[in-house]
Amino acid sequence: MIEQNCTTAIELLTDRLQDVPLMILELPSDRLSEKASPEKWSGKEILGHLTDSARANLTRFLEAQHGEEPYVSRSYPQEALVNLNGYQDLTVSQVLALWEAWNREIVRVLKLIPQGALGRRISFENNDPEKTLGWLIEDYIEHLDHHLAVIKSQGD
């Protein structure tokens, strides 16, 4: 459980940084560009969304460590950011490089989080029950794994 320390999260994310590029590059790039319908994301766009998620969560992981509690976790316009970033128009390698860079930075920051900060309280704009920074880190990895499974299934 990440409430105790970040070691598990660091290990899991480090594993993803090794495994995901291999998985993505094994999938046909034309399949990663396919959209089931205009309103659905392609595999590239899902990876782009994961890049946006990494960027947003890195900010949360840093900001939640200081200031008044609970830290208020702000939502971000997921659909709009995927479109504004134009992930569909980038190569798979370009989107993958962005995803890797943000997640390497998250691993670096996780190594710096003091154990005592993991219990800091976090509230959400949508009035979900309060959680902790440790929970938020764990949720980030679960969210990542969920979307990676979707990308992988597109290659089948």
Protein backbone atom coordinates (compact mmCIF):
# COMPACT_ATOMS: atom_id res chain seq x y z
CA MET A 1 0.00 0.00 0.00
CA ILE A 2 1.34 3.40 -0.98
CA GLU A 3 0.09 5.04 2.23
CA GLN A 4 3.28 3.75 3.93
CA ASN A 5 5.89 4.73 1.32
CA CYS A 6 6.38 5.39 -2.37
CA THR A 7 8.59 2.35 -3.01
CA THR A 8 5.81 0.30 -4.58
CA ALA A 9 4.67 3.16 -6.79
CA ILE A 10 8.24 3.85 -7.91
CA GLU A 11 8.75 0.17 -8.75
CA LEU A 12 5.45 -0.09 -10.64
CA LEU A 13 6.02 3.08 -12.62
CA THR A 14 9.62 2.10 -13.39
CA ASP A 15 8.30 -1.22 -14.71
CA ARG A 16 5.78 0.63 -16.89
CA LEU A 17 8.57 2.83 -18.26
CA GLN A 18 10.37 -0.32 -19.39
CA ASP A 19 7.34 -2.27 -20.63
CA VAL A 20 5.08 0.31 -22.24
CA PRO A 21 7.46 1.44 -25.02
CA LEU A 22 7.95 -2.20 -26.04
CA MET A 23 4.20 -2.84 -25.98
CA ILE A 24 3.39 0.32 -27.95
CA LEU A 25 6.07 -0.20 -30.57
CA GLU A 26 4.95 -3.82 -31.11
CA LEU A 27 1.47 -2.61 -32.08
CA PRO A 28 0.89 -1.61 -35.70
CA SER A 29 0.98 2.19 -35.88
CA ASP A 30 -2.05 2.25 -38.19
CA ARG A 31 -4.04 0.40 -35.50
CA LEU A 32 -2.95 2.95 -32.90
CA SER A 33 -4.23 5.73 -35.18
CA GLU A 34 -7.63 4.11 -35.81
CA LYS A 35 -10.70 5.57 -34.17
CA ALA A 36 -13.73 3.35 -33.62
CA SER A 37 -15.85 6.48 -34.12
CA PRO A 38 -15.16 10.22 -34.38
CA GLU A 39 -15.89 10.77 -30.68
CA LYS A 40 -13.71 7.86 -29.47
CA TRP A 41 -10.00 8.22 -28.86
CA SER A 42 -7.46 6.33 -30.93
CA GLY A 43 -4.66 4.47 -29.16
CA LYS A 44 -2.38 7.46 -29.79
CA GLU A 45 -4.94 9.78 -28.25
CA ILE A 46 -5.31 7.49 -25.22
CA LEU A 47 -1.52 7.61 -24.79
CA GLY A 48 -1.78 11.38 -25.18
CA HIS A 49 -4.47 11.46 -22.48
CA LEU A 50 -2.09 9.50 -20.25
CA THR A 51 0.53 12.18 -20.96
CA ASP A 52 -1.92 14.89 -19.91
CA SER A 53 -2.79 12.82 -16.83
CA ALA A 54 0.90 12.56 -15.94
CA ARG A 55 1.32 16.33 -16.27
CA ALA A 56 -1.76 17.04 -14.12
CA ASN A 57 -0.85 14.48 -11.49
CA LEU A 58 2.76 15.60 -11.23
CA THR A 59 1.43 19.03 -10.27
CA ARG A 60 -0.94 17.43 -7.74
CA PHE A 61 1.83 15.27 -6.24
CA LEU A 62 3.98 18.37 -5.73
CA GLU A 63 1.33 20.84 -4.58
CA ALA A 64 -0.38 18.42 -2.18
CA GLN A 65 2.79 18.31 -0.08
CA HIS A 66 2.55 21.88 1.15
CA GLY A 67 0.03 24.46 2.21
CA GLU A 68 -3.26 24.06 3.97
CA GLU A 69 -5.06 20.75 4.15
CA PRO A 70 -6.97 19.49 2.48
CA TYR A 71 -5.28 20.21 -0.82
CA VAL A 72 -8.01 20.73 -3.45
CA SER A 73 -7.37 18.59 -6.50
CA ARG A 74 -8.65 20.43 -9.55
CA SER A 75 -10.03 18.61 -12.54
CA TYR A 76 -8.77 19.32 -16.03
CA PRO A 77 -10.52 19.35 -19.44
CA GLN A 78 -9.48 15.89 -20.64
CA GLU A 79 -11.27 15.84 -24.00
CA ALA A 80 -10.20 19.37 -24.86
CA LEU A 81 -6.55 18.77 -23.99
CA VAL A 82 -6.36 15.66 -26.16
CA ASN A 83 -7.68 17.70 -29.07
CA LEU A 84 -5.64 20.84 -28.32
CA ASN A 85 -2.42 18.83 -28.07
CA GLY A 86 -3.10 17.26 -31.48
CA TYR A 87 -1.93 13.80 -30.45
CA GLN A 88 -3.72 12.25 -33.42
CA ASP A 89 -1.46 14.22 -35.77
CA LEU A 90 1.79 13.17 -34.07
CA THR A 91 3.68 9.96 -34.71
CA VAL A 92 3.37 7.16 -32.19
CA SER A 93 7.03 7.70 -31.29
CA GLN A 94 6.42 11.40 -30.56
CA VAL A 95 3.49 10.72 -28.24
CA LEU A 96 5.41 7.91 -26.55
CA ALA A 97 8.40 10.20 -25.95
CA LEU A 98 6.15 12.75 -24.24
CA TRP A 99 4.56 10.05 -22.06
CA GLU A 100 7.97 8.68 -21.10
CA ALA A 101 9.38 12.10 -20.19
CA TRP A 102 6.50 13.01 -17.89
CA ASN A 103 6.52 9.63 -16.17
CA ARG A 104 10.29 9.68 -15.65
CA GLU A 105 9.76 13.03 -13.93
CA ILE A 106 7.02 11.52 -11.75
CA VAL A 107 9.37 8.72 -10.67
CA ARG A 108 12.03 11.32 -9.80
CA VAL A 109 9.55 13.33 -7.73
CA LEU A 110 8.11 10.25 -6.00
CA LYS A 111 11.62 9.45 -4.75
CA LEU A 112 11.68 12.86 -3.03
CA ILE A 113 8.31 12.64 -1.25
CA PRO A 114 8.80 12.23 2.50
CA GLN A 115 6.91 9.33 4.02
CA GLY A 116 5.00 11.68 6.29
CA ALA A 117 3.54 13.59 3.33
CA LEU A 118 1.71 10.54 1.98
CA GLY A 119 -1.02 10.94 4.59
CA ARG A 120 -1.75 14.55 3.64
CA ARG A 121 -5.43 15.01 2.90
CA ILE A 122 -6.81 15.79 -0.53
CA SER A 123 -10.30 16.93 -1.45
CA PHE A 124 -11.83 17.08 -4.89
CA GLU A 125 -13.79 19.73 -6.79
CA ASN A 126 -16.59 17.23 -7.42
CA ASN A 127 -17.08 16.68 -3.66
CA ASP A 128 -15.89 13.05 -3.65
CA PRO A 129 -14.79 11.92 -0.18
CA GLU A 130 -11.39 13.13 1.00
CA LYS A 131 -8.43 10.90 0.20
CA THR A 132 -4.69 11.10 0.84
CA LEU A 133 -1.66 11.83 -1.30
CA GLY A 134 -0.73 8.15 -1.04
CA TRP A 135 -4.16 7.21 -2.41
CA LEU A 136 -3.78 9.72 -5.25
CA ILE A 137 -0.46 8.19 -6.29
CA GLU A 138 -1.96 4.70 -6.22
CA ASP A 139 -4.99 5.89 -8.20
CA TYR A 140 -2.69 7.40 -10.84
CA ILE A 141 -1.07 4.02 -11.47
CA GLU A 142 -4.45 2.23 -11.55
CA HIS A 143 -5.72 4.79 -14.08
CA LEU A 144 -2.57 4.31 -16.15
CA ASP A 145 -2.94 0.52 -16.13
CA HIS A 146 -6.62 0.73 -17.10
CA HIS A 147 -5.89 2.81 -20.19
CA LEU A 148 -2.82 0.77 -21.14
CA ALA A 149 -5.02 -2.33 -21.19
CA VAL A 150 -7.40 -0.53 -23.58
CA ILE A 151 -4.51 0.40 -25.89
CA LYS A 152 -3.20 -3.15 -25.82
CA SER A 153 -6.64 -4.53 -26.70
CA GLN A 154 -6.73 -2.29 -29.78
CA GLY A 155 -3.79 -4.21 -31.16
CA ASP A 156 -5.62 -7.54 -30.88
